[in-house]
Structure formats: structure tokens, C-alpha cells
């Protein structure tokens, strides 16, 4: 990846790390599946407005409608729902570690089904270091979740697999503007989620929540979904699926650093050690630091 790709990856990690604040506030008053619906619906509407004002035309998405619905299912509907279900039974620490396995699954799937993202030792070692760093960083949080039911753990692993498969689908949209992909995916997700939420909850009390909960929901939708997915698809186009999936290693560290900065929490030594391992993993994947300089004339 070049410097711009790394900057996009880190920014995306910070944004999605910050989304935990919004979810924590909103989900206290809004049921998880309702929150998923509001998240994709508001984000999709915002992106349609953006396209209307700035272009290009959303008509560019229509020939890719089938792929965009598949992307919506794999990148939003399935993983969002599985994460919500899994986290009803296991702690956030274990959930973040299982989510951080996404780059591993992406690497395995990309190695099997692509010609340009093959497995190499740099990536394998770096991803291993990143997952280990995440496990160390969450420390006691992972222990708190170990006693949960097996199905809940498989739900989180299933979410990671779904994200990995979504990245393979997103590769097929190379050449389509990232704003079109993001808008199409979120529009399709909204179309899928509306009947699900109405069937489960009906319309009674659908919009009942405090101003703080709605503020958090709009922040989640506009920043951590609409803007973040434009960044995400730009990264897929320029850096590939495996490199884009590395954001799941950055998100837990980002969330923890934001808690320190804005909530006054303190970092423990094991948390610093875990972050150092994640950083080493990313450096290993990048590989430039370890390359020997070629002798002159070689």
C-alpha cells in the first residue's frame, strides 16, 4: 500500500473505533435491529442527496443491482445481525478478537479465489501478530467472554467470514465510483431491513428515543457509515481486499485510545503491549521496513 492507502486505512479505523461510542448510547434506547435499519436508511438517504448535488448519477448502480444486493447482505445485514446476536451472550473483548480474524479469513479466501492477492509470509505473520495483539490488548475483557455459548462465538466468526466474502464481492465492482457502490449497498440494505424490522416490531414506538440517542444514531449513520463506506470502497479499489480488511485490527486499538482521550480512561501496560504488537503486525504486512536495500547497480 502507498501512503494514501495507509492514511485511508488509519482514518477508517479511527472512525469505526469511534462508532462504539455512538452504538453504546443509541442501543440503550433503540433495539439492535432497529438501529441497523436507521443506520443504513439514514446513511443511504444522505448519500442519495450527495449524488443529487454532486453526482454522478445513481443510474450507474442499476446495471450492478444484483451484486449490490449481494454486497448489502454480506457486508451489512448478516454481519450486523450476527454481531448484535453474539454480543448478547459474550463480552465485547472476545467479540473484538473474533472480529479481528477478518483479515485471516480474507487472506485465505483471496488466496483461493483471486490471482492477485496470494498468501505470503509477510501477510500471514502480520495478521497473526495483529490478532495476538488484539487478544492481549483486550486482556481481561476476553476472559469475561470465554464462558459464553458456542453459538454466540460462531455468530461472531460468521460475521468475520461474511465481511471477508463481502470484500471478494466488492472486488467485482472495480471501476464503479465508490460513492455509487456505497449508495447502492446502503439502499439495498435498507430495502432488506425495512420488512424485517416491521415484521418483528411493527410501527408502534418505532421512533421513540431521546434526543441523545437520535444524535448518536445520526453520527453513526452519517460519519461511521455513509462517509466511512466511501473510504472503504476507495481502499478496496486501490489496496485490495486483504489490505482493506486490516481495518479490523485497528478498530479495537482506536476505540481504546479514543476512550483514553475523551472519557479519561487509563491505559494498562498489557493494553500498550497489545497495541505495540498490532503496530508490528501492520509494519510486517507493509514489509518495507524489513526489505534490504538493493546494492547499487543490482
C-alpha atoms as a PDB file:
ATOM      1  CA  UNK A   1       0.000   0.000   0.000  1.00  0.00           C
ATOM      2  CA  UNK A   2       1.120   3.550  -0.633  1.00  0.00           C
ATOM      3  CA  UNK A   3       0.995   6.393   1.898  1.00  0.00           C
ATOM      4  CA  UNK A   4      -2.502   7.464   0.804  1.00  0.00           C
ATOM      5  CA  UNK A   5      -3.826   3.919   1.314  1.00  0.00           C
ATOM      6  CA  UNK A   6      -2.323   3.745   4.810  1.00  0.00           C
ATOM      7  CA  UNK A   7      -3.830   7.147   5.651  1.00  0.00           C
ATOM      8  CA  UNK A   8      -7.277   5.973   4.490  1.00  0.00           C
ATOM      9  CA  UNK A   9      -6.921   2.726   6.466  1.00  0.00           C
ATOM     10  CA  UNK A  10      -5.964   4.538   9.679  1.00  0.00           C
ATOM     11  CA  UNK A  11      -8.727   7.133   9.257  1.00  0.00           C
ATOM     12  CA  UNK A  12     -11.262   4.358   8.686  1.00  0.00           C
ATOM     13  CA  UNK A  13     -10.011   2.585  11.808  1.00  0.00           C
ATOM     14  CA  UNK A  14     -10.431   5.770  13.855  1.00  0.00           C
ATOM     15  CA  UNK A  15     -13.952   6.361  12.515  1.00  0.00           C
ATOM     16  CA  UNK A  16     -15.119   2.796  13.160  1.00  0.00           C
ATOM     17  CA  UNK A  17     -13.399   2.810  16.548  1.00  0.00           C
ATOM     18  CA  UNK A  18     -15.387   5.920  17.416  1.00  0.00           C
ATOM     19  CA  UNK A  19     -18.609   4.258  16.278  1.00  0.00           C
ATOM     20  CA  UNK A  20     -18.600   2.244  19.526  1.00  0.00           C
ATOM     21  CA  UNK A  21     -19.446   5.469  21.384  1.00  0.00           C
ATOM     22  CA  UNK A  22     -22.475   6.045  19.172  1.00  0.00           C
ATOM     23  CA  UNK A  23     -23.656   2.431  19.391  1.00  0.00           C
ATOM     24  CA  UNK A  24     -23.240   2.400  23.182  1.00  0.00           C
ATOM     25  CA  UNK A  25     -25.506   5.474  23.517  1.00  0.00           C
ATOM     26  CA  UNK A  26     -28.075   4.544  20.870  1.00  0.00           C
ATOM     27  CA  UNK A  27     -28.552   0.853  21.662  1.00  0.00           C
ATOM     28  CA  UNK A  28     -29.538   1.697  25.246  1.00  0.00           C
ATOM     29  CA  UNK A  29     -32.835   3.009  23.842  1.00  0.00           C
ATOM     30  CA  UNK A  30     -33.124   1.577  20.326  1.00  0.00           C
ATOM     31  CA  UNK A  31     -33.347  -2.187  19.685  1.00  0.00           C
ATOM     32  CA  UNK A  32     -30.300  -3.530  17.766  1.00  0.00           C
ATOM     33  CA  UNK A  33     -32.114  -4.435  14.526  1.00  0.00           C
ATOM     34  CA  UNK A  34     -33.964  -1.106  14.579  1.00  0.00           C
ATOM     35  CA  UNK A  35     -30.602   0.616  14.983  1.00  0.00           C
ATOM     36  CA  UNK A  36     -29.238  -1.310  11.981  1.00  0.00           C
ATOM     37  CA  UNK A  37     -32.245  -0.140   9.936  1.00  0.00           C
ATOM     38  CA  UNK A  38     -31.879   3.506  10.969  1.00  0.00           C
ATOM     39  CA  UNK A  39     -28.125   3.334  10.369  1.00  0.00           C
ATOM     40  CA  UNK A  40     -28.388   2.121   6.763  1.00  0.00           C
ATOM     41  CA  UNK A  41     -31.548   4.108   5.949  1.00  0.00           C
ATOM     42  CA  UNK A  42     -30.198   7.495   7.092  1.00  0.00           C
ATOM     43  CA  UNK A  43     -26.770   6.819   5.541  1.00  0.00           C
ATOM     44  CA  UNK A  44     -28.331   5.757   2.237  1.00  0.00           C
ATOM     45  CA  UNK A  45     -30.579   8.833   2.138  1.00  0.00           C
ATOM     46  CA  UNK A  46     -27.610  11.119   2.857  1.00  0.00           C
ATOM     47  CA  UNK A  47     -25.605   9.566   0.019  1.00  0.00           C
ATOM     48  CA  UNK A  48     -28.529   9.891  -2.406  1.00  0.00           C
ATOM     49  CA  UNK A  49     -28.656  13.596  -1.542  1.00  0.00           C
ATOM     50  CA  UNK A  50     -24.892  13.829  -2.060  1.00  0.00           C
ATOM     51  CA  UNK A  51     -25.177  12.211  -5.511  1.00  0.00           C
ATOM     52  CA  UNK A  52     -28.071  14.506  -6.411  1.00  0.00           C
ATOM     53  CA  UNK A  53     -25.981  17.580  -5.571  1.00  0.00           C
ATOM     54  CA  UNK A  54     -22.536  16.421  -6.696  1.00  0.00           C
ATOM     55  CA  UNK A  55     -23.064  13.422  -8.996  1.00  0.00           C
ATOM     56  CA  UNK A  56     -22.508  11.005 -10.582  1.00  0.00           C
ATOM     57  CA  UNK A  57     -25.994   9.740 -11.360  1.00  0.00           C
ATOM     58  CA  UNK A  58     -27.296   6.816  -9.289  1.00  0.00           C
ATOM     59  CA  UNK A  59     -28.348   5.228 -12.592  1.00  0.00           C
ATOM     60  CA  UNK A  60     -24.765   3.907 -12.778  1.00  0.00           C
ATOM     61  CA  UNK A  61     -25.690   1.492  -9.964  1.00  0.00           C
ATOM     62  CA  UNK A  62     -28.645  -0.093 -11.782  1.00  0.00           C
ATOM     63  CA  UNK A  63     -26.646  -2.494 -14.018  1.00  0.00           C
ATOM     64  CA  UNK A  64     -24.947  -3.785 -10.844  1.00  0.00           C
ATOM     65  CA  UNK A  65     -28.128  -4.174  -8.767  1.00  0.00           C
ATOM     66  CA  UNK A  66     -27.663  -7.928  -8.217  1.00  0.00           C
ATOM     67  CA  UNK A  67     -24.082  -7.553  -6.982  1.00  0.00           C
ATOM     68  CA  UNK A  68     -25.045  -4.608  -4.766  1.00  0.00           C
ATOM     69  CA  UNK A  69     -27.818  -6.629  -3.091  1.00  0.00           C
ATOM     70  CA  UNK A  70     -25.320  -9.446  -2.501  1.00  0.00           C
ATOM     71  CA  UNK A  71     -22.876  -6.925  -1.061  1.00  0.00           C
ATOM     72  CA  UNK A  72     -25.617  -5.487   1.176  1.00  0.00           C
ATOM     73  CA  UNK A  73     -26.406  -8.944   2.567  1.00  0.00           C
ATOM     74  CA  UNK A  74     -22.758  -9.893   3.174  1.00  0.00           C
ATOM     75  CA  UNK A  75     -21.414  -6.506   4.313  1.00  0.00           C
ATOM     76  CA  UNK A  76     -24.357  -5.165   6.348  1.00  0.00           C
ATOM     77  CA  UNK A  77     -27.383  -7.379   7.001  1.00  0.00           C
ATOM     78  CA  UNK A  78     -25.670 -10.649   8.002  1.00  0.00           C
ATOM     79  CA  UNK A  79     -22.646  -9.314   9.951  1.00  0.00           C
ATOM     80  CA  UNK A  80     -24.543  -6.510  11.730  1.00  0.00           C
ATOM     81  CA  UNK A  81     -27.229  -9.003  12.821  1.00  0.00           C
ATOM     82  CA  UNK A  82     -24.763 -11.732  13.865  1.00  0.00           C
ATOM     83  CA  UNK A  83     -22.676  -9.253  15.883  1.00  0.00           C
ATOM     84  CA  UNK A  84     -25.798  -7.974  17.662  1.00  0.00           C
ATOM     85  CA  UNK A  85     -26.897 -11.534  18.460  1.00  0.00           C
ATOM     86  CA  UNK A  86     -23.438 -12.706  19.524  1.00  0.00           C
ATOM     87  CA  UNK A  87     -22.840  -9.758  21.814  1.00  0.00           C
ATOM     88  CA  UNK A  88     -25.979 -10.540  23.786  1.00  0.00           C
ATOM     89  CA  UNK A  89     -24.065 -13.517  25.224  1.00  0.00           C
ATOM     90  CA  UNK A  90     -20.322 -12.763  25.061  1.00  0.00           C
ATOM     91  CA  UNK A  91     -18.207  -9.816  26.138  1.00  0.00           C
ATOM     92  CA  UNK A  92     -17.031  -7.022  23.872  1.00  0.00           C
ATOM     93  CA  UNK A  93     -13.398  -8.087  24.365  1.00  0.00           C
ATOM     94  CA  UNK A  94     -13.844 -11.560  22.901  1.00  0.00           C
ATOM     95  CA  UNK A  95     -16.117 -10.112  20.205  1.00  0.00           C
ATOM     96  CA  UNK A  96     -13.387  -7.690  19.107  1.00  0.00           C
ATOM     97  CA  UNK A  97     -10.818 -10.506  18.901  1.00  0.00           C
ATOM     98  CA  UNK A  98     -13.136 -12.697  16.825  1.00  0.00           C
ATOM     99  CA  UNK A  99     -13.899  -9.705  14.579  1.00  0.00           C
ATOM    100  CA  UNK A 100     -10.155  -9.114  14.204  1.00  0.00           C
ATOM    101  CA  UNK A 101      -9.858 -12.523  12.479  1.00  0.00           C
ATOM    102  CA  UNK A 102     -11.447 -10.948   9.364  1.00  0.00           C
ATOM    103  CA  UNK A 103      -8.038 -10.338   7.661  1.00  0.00           C
ATOM    104  CA  UNK A 104      -7.153 -14.022   8.167  1.00  0.00           C
ATOM    105  CA  UNK A 105     -10.358 -15.251   6.523  1.00  0.00           C
ATOM    106  CA  UNK A 106      -9.968 -12.648   3.766  1.00  0.00           C
ATOM    107  CA  UNK A 107      -6.420 -13.808   3.064  1.00  0.00           C
ATOM    108  CA  UNK A 108      -7.499 -17.477   2.896  1.00  0.00           C
ATOM    109  CA  UNK A 109     -10.459 -16.734   0.595  1.00  0.00           C
ATOM    110  CA  UNK A 110      -8.465 -14.319  -1.589  1.00  0.00           C
ATOM    111  CA  UNK A 111      -5.673 -16.884  -1.937  1.00  0.00           C
ATOM    112  CA  UNK A 112      -8.182 -19.476  -3.147  1.00  0.00           C
ATOM    113  CA  UNK A 113     -10.258 -17.326  -5.491  1.00  0.00           C
ATOM    114  CA  UNK A 114      -8.073 -14.484  -6.784  1.00  0.00           C
ATOM    115  CA  UNK A 115      -4.913 -14.276  -8.842  1.00  0.00           C
ATOM    116  CA  UNK A 116      -3.506 -11.020  -7.459  1.00  0.00           C
ATOM    117  CA  UNK A 117      -3.906 -11.365  -3.663  1.00  0.00           C
ATOM    118  CA  UNK A 118      -1.997 -14.533  -2.896  1.00  0.00           C
ATOM    119  CA  UNK A 119      -0.926 -15.644   0.567  1.00  0.00           C
ATOM    120  CA  UNK A 120       2.610 -14.681   1.582  1.00  0.00           C
ATOM    121  CA  UNK A 121       4.589 -14.938   4.804  1.00  0.00           C
ATOM    122  CA  UNK A 122       4.582 -11.185   5.403  1.00  0.00           C
ATOM    123  CA  UNK A 123       0.791 -11.058   5.409  1.00  0.00           C
ATOM    124  CA  UNK A 124       0.341 -14.285   7.378  1.00  0.00           C
ATOM    125  CA  UNK A 125       2.843 -13.279  10.064  1.00  0.00           C
ATOM    126  CA  UNK A 126       1.496  -9.718  10.259  1.00  0.00           C
ATOM    127  CA  UNK A 127      -2.123 -10.864  10.618  1.00  0.00           C
ATOM    128  CA  UNK A 128      -1.087 -13.380  13.294  1.00  0.00           C
ATOM    129  CA  UNK A 129       0.700 -10.633  15.232  1.00  0.00           C
ATOM    130  CA  UNK A 130      -2.314  -8.335  14.852  1.00  0.00           C
ATOM    131  CA  UNK A 131      -4.796 -10.927  16.168  1.00  0.00           C
ATOM    132  CA  UNK A 132      -2.453 -11.789  19.067  1.00  0.00           C
ATOM    133  CA  UNK A 133      -2.046  -8.084  19.832  1.00  0.00           C
ATOM    134  CA  UNK A 134      -5.818  -7.626  19.886  1.00  0.00           C
ATOM    135  CA  UNK A 135      -6.203 -10.564  22.279  1.00  0.00           C
ATOM    136  CA  UNK A 136      -3.533  -9.168  24.625  1.00  0.00           C
ATOM    137  CA  UNK A 137      -4.891  -5.629  24.397  1.00  0.00           C
ATOM    138  CA  UNK A 138      -8.416  -6.541  25.500  1.00  0.00           C
ATOM    139  CA  UNK A 139      -6.886  -8.644  28.298  1.00  0.00           C
ATOM    140  CA  UNK A 140      -9.499  -9.333  30.997  1.00  0.00           C
ATOM    141  CA  UNK A 141     -12.245  -8.445  28.528  1.00  0.00           C
ATOM    142  CA  UNK A 142     -11.598 -11.600  26.506  1.00  0.00           C
ATOM    143  CA  UNK A 143     -11.661 -13.766  29.653  1.00  0.00           C
ATOM    144  CA  UNK A 144     -15.076 -12.336  30.571  1.00  0.00           C
ATOM    145  CA  UNK A 145     -16.494 -13.601  27.284  1.00  0.00           C
ATOM    146  CA  UNK A 146     -14.964 -17.079  27.217  1.00  0.00           C
ATOM    147  CA  UNK A 147     -17.816 -18.674  29.145  1.00  0.00           C
ATOM    148  CA  UNK A 148     -20.479 -17.736  26.593  1.00  0.00           C
ATOM    149  CA  UNK A 149     -22.316 -20.317  24.472  1.00  0.00           C
ATOM    150  CA  UNK A 150     -20.611 -21.790  21.432  1.00  0.00           C
ATOM    151  CA  UNK A 151     -23.311 -20.478  19.078  1.00  0.00           C
ATOM    152  CA  UNK A 152     -22.541 -16.884  20.105  1.00  0.00           C
ATOM    153  CA  UNK A 153     -18.858 -17.332  19.290  1.00  0.00           C
ATOM    154  CA  UNK A 154     -19.728 -18.911  15.948  1.00  0.00           C
ATOM    155  CA  UNK A 155     -22.007 -15.919  15.288  1.00  0.00           C
ATOM    156  CA  UNK A 156     -19.010 -13.553  15.609  1.00  0.00           C
ATOM    157  CA  UNK A 157     -16.818 -15.824  13.460  1.00  0.00           C
ATOM    158  CA  UNK A 158     -19.672 -15.964  10.939  1.00  0.00           C
ATOM    159  CA  UNK A 159     -19.738 -12.156  10.863  1.00  0.00           C
ATOM    160  CA  UNK A 160     -15.997 -12.087  10.131  1.00  0.00           C
ATOM    161  CA  UNK A 161     -16.420 -14.638   7.337  1.00  0.00           C
ATOM    162  CA  UNK A 162     -19.277 -12.587   5.926  1.00  0.00           C
ATOM    163  CA  UNK A 163     -17.111  -9.453   5.868  1.00  0.00           C
ATOM    164  CA  UNK A 164     -14.354 -11.427   4.108  1.00  0.00           C
ATOM    165  CA  UNK A 165     -16.782 -12.695   1.457  1.00  0.00           C
ATOM    166  CA  UNK A 166     -18.151  -9.162   1.035  1.00  0.00           C
ATOM    167  CA  UNK A 167     -14.666  -7.937   0.180  1.00  0.00           C
ATOM    168  CA  UNK A 168     -14.459 -10.550  -2.575  1.00  0.00           C
ATOM    169  CA  UNK A 169     -17.797  -9.321  -3.968  1.00  0.00           C
ATOM    170  CA  UNK A 170     -16.651  -5.682  -3.753  1.00  0.00           C
ATOM    171  CA  UNK A 171     -13.666  -6.545  -5.980  1.00  0.00           C
ATOM    172  CA  UNK A 172     -16.120  -7.234  -8.818  1.00  0.00           C
ATOM    173  CA  UNK A 173     -17.190  -3.577  -8.749  1.00  0.00           C
ATOM    174  CA  UNK A 174     -13.794  -2.146  -9.660  1.00  0.00           C
ATOM    175  CA  UNK A 175     -14.284   0.772 -11.992  1.00  0.00           C
ATOM    176  CA  UNK A 176     -17.599   1.744 -10.381  1.00  0.00           C
ATOM    177  CA  UNK A 177     -17.281   5.035  -8.404  1.00  0.00           C
ATOM    178  CA  UNK A 178     -17.016   4.370  -4.631  1.00  0.00           C
ATOM    179  CA  UNK A 179     -19.905   6.784  -3.949  1.00  0.00           C
ATOM    180  CA  UNK A 180     -22.138   4.704  -6.249  1.00  0.00           C
ATOM    181  CA  UNK A 181     -21.115   1.422  -4.575  1.00  0.00           C
ATOM    182  CA  UNK A 182     -21.668   2.829  -1.078  1.00  0.00           C
ATOM    183  CA  UNK A 183     -25.049   4.332  -2.010  1.00  0.00           C
ATOM    184  CA  UNK A 184     -26.160   1.176  -3.805  1.00  0.00           C
ATOM    185  CA  UNK A 185     -25.125  -1.098  -0.941  1.00  0.00           C
ATOM    186  CA  UNK A 186     -26.900   1.018   1.697  1.00  0.00           C
ATOM    187  CA  UNK A 187     -30.027   1.396  -0.471  1.00  0.00           C
ATOM    188  CA  UNK A 188     -30.199  -2.381  -0.888  1.00  0.00           C
ATOM    189  CA  UNK A 189     -29.600  -2.879   2.849  1.00  0.00           C
ATOM    190  CA  UNK A 190     -32.477  -0.501   3.612  1.00  0.00           C
ATOM    191  CA  UNK A 191     -34.820  -2.363   1.251  1.00  0.00           C
ATOM    192  CA  UNK A 192     -33.936  -5.631   3.005  1.00  0.00           C
ATOM    193  CA  UNK A 193     -34.112  -4.300   6.593  1.00  0.00           C
ATOM    194  CA  UNK A 194     -37.455  -2.410   6.372  1.00  0.00           C
ATOM    195  CA  UNK A 195     -39.682  -5.523   6.083  1.00  0.00           C
ATOM    196  CA  UNK A 196     -37.564  -7.421   8.659  1.00  0.00           C
ATOM    197  CA  UNK A 197     -37.942  -4.676  11.290  1.00  0.00           C
ATOM    198  CA  UNK A 198     -41.644  -4.113  10.530  1.00  0.00           C
ATOM    199  CA  UNK A 199     -42.332  -7.860  10.783  1.00  0.00           C
ATOM    200  CA  UNK A 200     -40.534  -8.127  14.134  1.00  0.00           C
ATOM    201  CA  UNK A 201     -41.535  -4.860  15.804  1.00  0.00           C
ATOM    202  CA  UNK A 202     -44.368  -3.273  13.813  1.00  0.00           C
ATOM    203  CA  UNK A 203     -44.682   0.507  13.736  1.00  0.00           C
ATOM    204  CA  UNK A 204     -45.626   1.066  17.374  1.00  0.00           C
ATOM    205  CA  UNK A 205     -42.928   3.049  19.180  1.00  0.00           C
ATOM    206  CA  UNK A 206     -40.587   2.775  16.197  1.00  0.00           C
ATOM    207  CA  UNK A 207     -39.254   6.304  16.607  1.00  0.00           C
ATOM    208  CA  UNK A 208     -39.406   6.610  20.394  1.00  0.00           C
ATOM    209  CA  UNK A 209     -35.959   7.618  21.687  1.00  0.00           C
ATOM    210  CA  UNK A 210     -34.298  10.585  23.375  1.00  0.00           C
ATOM    211  CA  UNK A 211     -32.511  13.395  21.567  1.00  0.00           C
ATOM    212  CA  UNK A 212     -29.143  11.946  22.665  1.00  0.00           C
ATOM    213  CA  UNK A 213     -29.994   8.538  21.204  1.00  0.00           C
ATOM    214  CA  UNK A 214     -31.004  10.113  17.891  1.00  0.00           C
ATOM    215  CA  UNK A 215     -27.891  12.293  17.846  1.00  0.00           C
ATOM    216  CA  UNK A 216     -25.761   9.165  18.315  1.00  0.00           C
ATOM    217  CA  UNK A 217     -27.743   7.363  15.589  1.00  0.00           C
ATOM    218  CA  UNK A 218     -27.222  10.188  13.102  1.00  0.00           C
ATOM    219  CA  UNK A 219     -23.500  10.288  13.944  1.00  0.00           C
ATOM    220  CA  UNK A 220     -23.307   6.534  13.395  1.00  0.00           C
ATOM    221  CA  UNK A 221     -25.155   6.796  10.083  1.00  0.00           C
ATOM    222  CA  UNK A 222     -23.551   9.886   8.579  1.00  0.00           C
ATOM    223  CA  UNK A 223     -19.925   9.527   9.699  1.00  0.00           C
ATOM    224  CA  UNK A 224     -19.382   5.850  10.555  1.00  0.00           C
ATOM    225  CA  UNK A 225     -21.499   4.540   7.670  1.00  0.00           C
ATOM    226  CA  UNK A 226     -22.030   6.980   4.772  1.00  0.00           C
ATOM    227  CA  UNK A 227     -18.608   8.650   4.831  1.00  0.00           C
ATOM    228  CA  UNK A 228     -16.803   5.546   6.116  1.00  0.00           C
ATOM    229  CA  UNK A 229     -18.075   3.313   3.318  1.00  0.00           C
ATOM    230  CA  UNK A 230     -16.918   5.769   0.657  1.00  0.00           C
ATOM    231  CA  UNK A 231     -13.444   5.493   2.212  1.00  0.00           C
ATOM    232  CA  UNK A 232     -13.831   1.712   2.464  1.00  0.00           C
ATOM    233  CA  UNK A 233     -14.637   1.191  -1.217  1.00  0.00           C
ATOM    234  CA  UNK A 234     -11.894   3.591  -2.316  1.00  0.00           C
ATOM    235  CA  UNK A 235      -9.498   1.459  -0.285  1.00  0.00           C
ATOM    236  CA  UNK A 236     -10.776  -1.795  -1.809  1.00  0.00           C
ATOM    237  CA  UNK A 237     -10.225  -0.343  -5.290  1.00  0.00           C
ATOM    238  CA  UNK A 238      -6.685   0.883  -4.620  1.00  0.00           C
ATOM    239  CA  UNK A 239      -5.275  -1.510  -1.997  1.00  0.00           C
ATOM    240  CA  UNK A 240      -7.217  -4.744  -2.461  1.00  0.00           C
ATOM    241  CA  UNK A 241      -9.462  -6.842  -0.237  1.00  0.00           C
ATOM    242  CA  UNK A 242      -6.856  -8.272   2.144  1.00  0.00           C
ATOM    243  CA  UNK A 243      -5.263  -4.905   2.908  1.00  0.00           C
ATOM    244  CA  UNK A 244      -8.667  -3.278   3.432  1.00  0.00           C
ATOM    245  CA  UNK A 245      -9.645  -5.993   5.927  1.00  0.00           C
ATOM    246  CA  UNK A 246      -6.737  -4.880   8.158  1.00  0.00           C
ATOM    247  CA  UNK A 247      -9.018  -2.133   9.467  1.00  0.00           C
ATOM    248  CA  UNK A 248     -10.499  -4.709  11.883  1.00  0.00           C
ATOM    249  CA  UNK A 249      -7.096  -4.866  13.614  1.00  0.00           C
ATOM    250  CA  UNK A 250      -7.030  -1.081  14.045  1.00  0.00           C
ATOM    251  CA  UNK A 251     -10.605  -0.592  15.282  1.00  0.00           C
ATOM    252  CA  UNK A 252     -10.162  -2.029  18.839  1.00  0.00           C
ATOM    253  CA  UNK A 253      -6.980  -0.002  19.422  1.00  0.00           C
ATOM    254  CA  UNK A 254      -8.666   3.104  18.026  1.00  0.00           C
ATOM    255  CA  UNK A 255     -11.701   2.645  20.303  1.00  0.00           C
ATOM    256  CA  UNK A 256      -9.429   2.252  23.328  1.00  0.00           C
ATOM    257  CA  UNK A 257      -7.337   5.339  22.504  1.00  0.00           C
ATOM    258  CA  UNK A 258     -10.481   7.408  21.990  1.00  0.00           C
ATOM    259  CA  UNK A 259     -11.742   6.249  25.407  1.00  0.00           C
ATOM    260  CA  UNK A 260      -8.484   7.439  26.934  1.00  0.00           C
ATOM    261  CA  UNK A 261      -8.672  10.788  25.121  1.00  0.00           C
ATOM    262  CA  UNK A 262     -12.322  11.627  25.731  1.00  0.00           C
ATOM    263  CA  UNK A 263     -13.512   9.515  28.671  1.00  0.00           C
ATOM    264  CA  UNK A 264     -10.460   9.895  30.896  1.00  0.00           C
ATOM    265  CA  UNK A 265      -9.690   6.151  30.986  1.00  0.00           C
ATOM    266  CA  UNK A 266      -6.139   4.925  31.661  1.00  0.00           C
ATOM    267  CA  UNK A 267      -4.109   2.544  29.540  1.00  0.00           C
ATOM    268  CA  UNK A 268      -2.756  -0.539  31.310  1.00  0.00           C
ATOM    269  CA  UNK A 269       0.678  -1.992  30.397  1.00  0.00           C
ATOM    270  CA  UNK A 270      -0.903  -5.042  28.726  1.00  0.00           C
ATOM    271  CA  UNK A 271      -3.014  -2.716  26.551  1.00  0.00           C
ATOM    272  CA  UNK A 272       0.093  -0.839  25.413  1.00  0.00           C
ATOM    273  CA  UNK A 273       1.802  -4.171  24.707  1.00  0.00           C
ATOM    274  CA  UNK A 274      -1.155  -5.329  22.610  1.00  0.00           C
ATOM    275  CA  UNK A 275      -1.141  -2.099  20.608  1.00  0.00           C
ATOM    276  CA  UNK A 276       2.595  -2.476  20.006  1.00  0.00           C
ATOM    277  CA  UNK A 277       2.002  -5.990  18.622  1.00  0.00           C
ATOM    278  CA  UNK A 278      -0.758  -4.700  16.335  1.00  0.00           C
ATOM    279  CA  UNK A 279       1.582  -1.958  15.074  1.00  0.00           C
ATOM    280  CA  UNK A 280       4.332  -4.546  14.500  1.00  0.00           C
ATOM    281  CA  UNK A 281       1.846  -6.698  12.597  1.00  0.00           C
ATOM    282  CA  UNK A 282       0.911  -3.805  10.291  1.00  0.00           C
ATOM    283  CA  UNK A 283       4.594  -2.965   9.746  1.00  0.00           C
ATOM    284  CA  UNK A 284       5.270  -6.625   8.913  1.00  0.00           C
ATOM    285  CA  UNK A 285       2.444  -6.697   6.366  1.00  0.00           C
ATOM    286  CA  UNK A 286       3.717  -3.481   4.789  1.00  0.00           C
ATOM    287  CA  UNK A 287       7.154  -5.096   4.566  1.00  0.00           C
ATOM    288  CA  UNK A 288       9.129  -2.010   3.534  1.00  0.00           C
ATOM    289  CA  UNK A 289      10.958  -1.692   6.842  1.00  0.00           C
ATOM    290  CA  UNK A 290      12.359  -5.207   6.513  1.00  0.00           C
ATOM    291  CA  UNK A 291      13.436  -5.052   2.896  1.00  0.00           C
ATOM    292  CA  UNK A 292      17.162  -4.936   2.348  1.00  0.00           C
ATOM    293  CA  UNK A 293      18.356  -2.127   0.159  1.00  0.00           C
ATOM    294  CA  UNK A 294      19.496  -3.343  -3.198  1.00  0.00           C
ATOM    295  CA  UNK A 295      23.191  -2.684  -3.828  1.00  0.00           C
ATOM    296  CA  UNK A 296      23.994  -0.055  -6.426  1.00  0.00           C
ATOM    297  CA  UNK A 297      23.894  -1.453  -9.935  1.00  0.00           C
ATOM    298  CA  UNK A 298      21.943  -4.529  -8.900  1.00  0.00           C
END
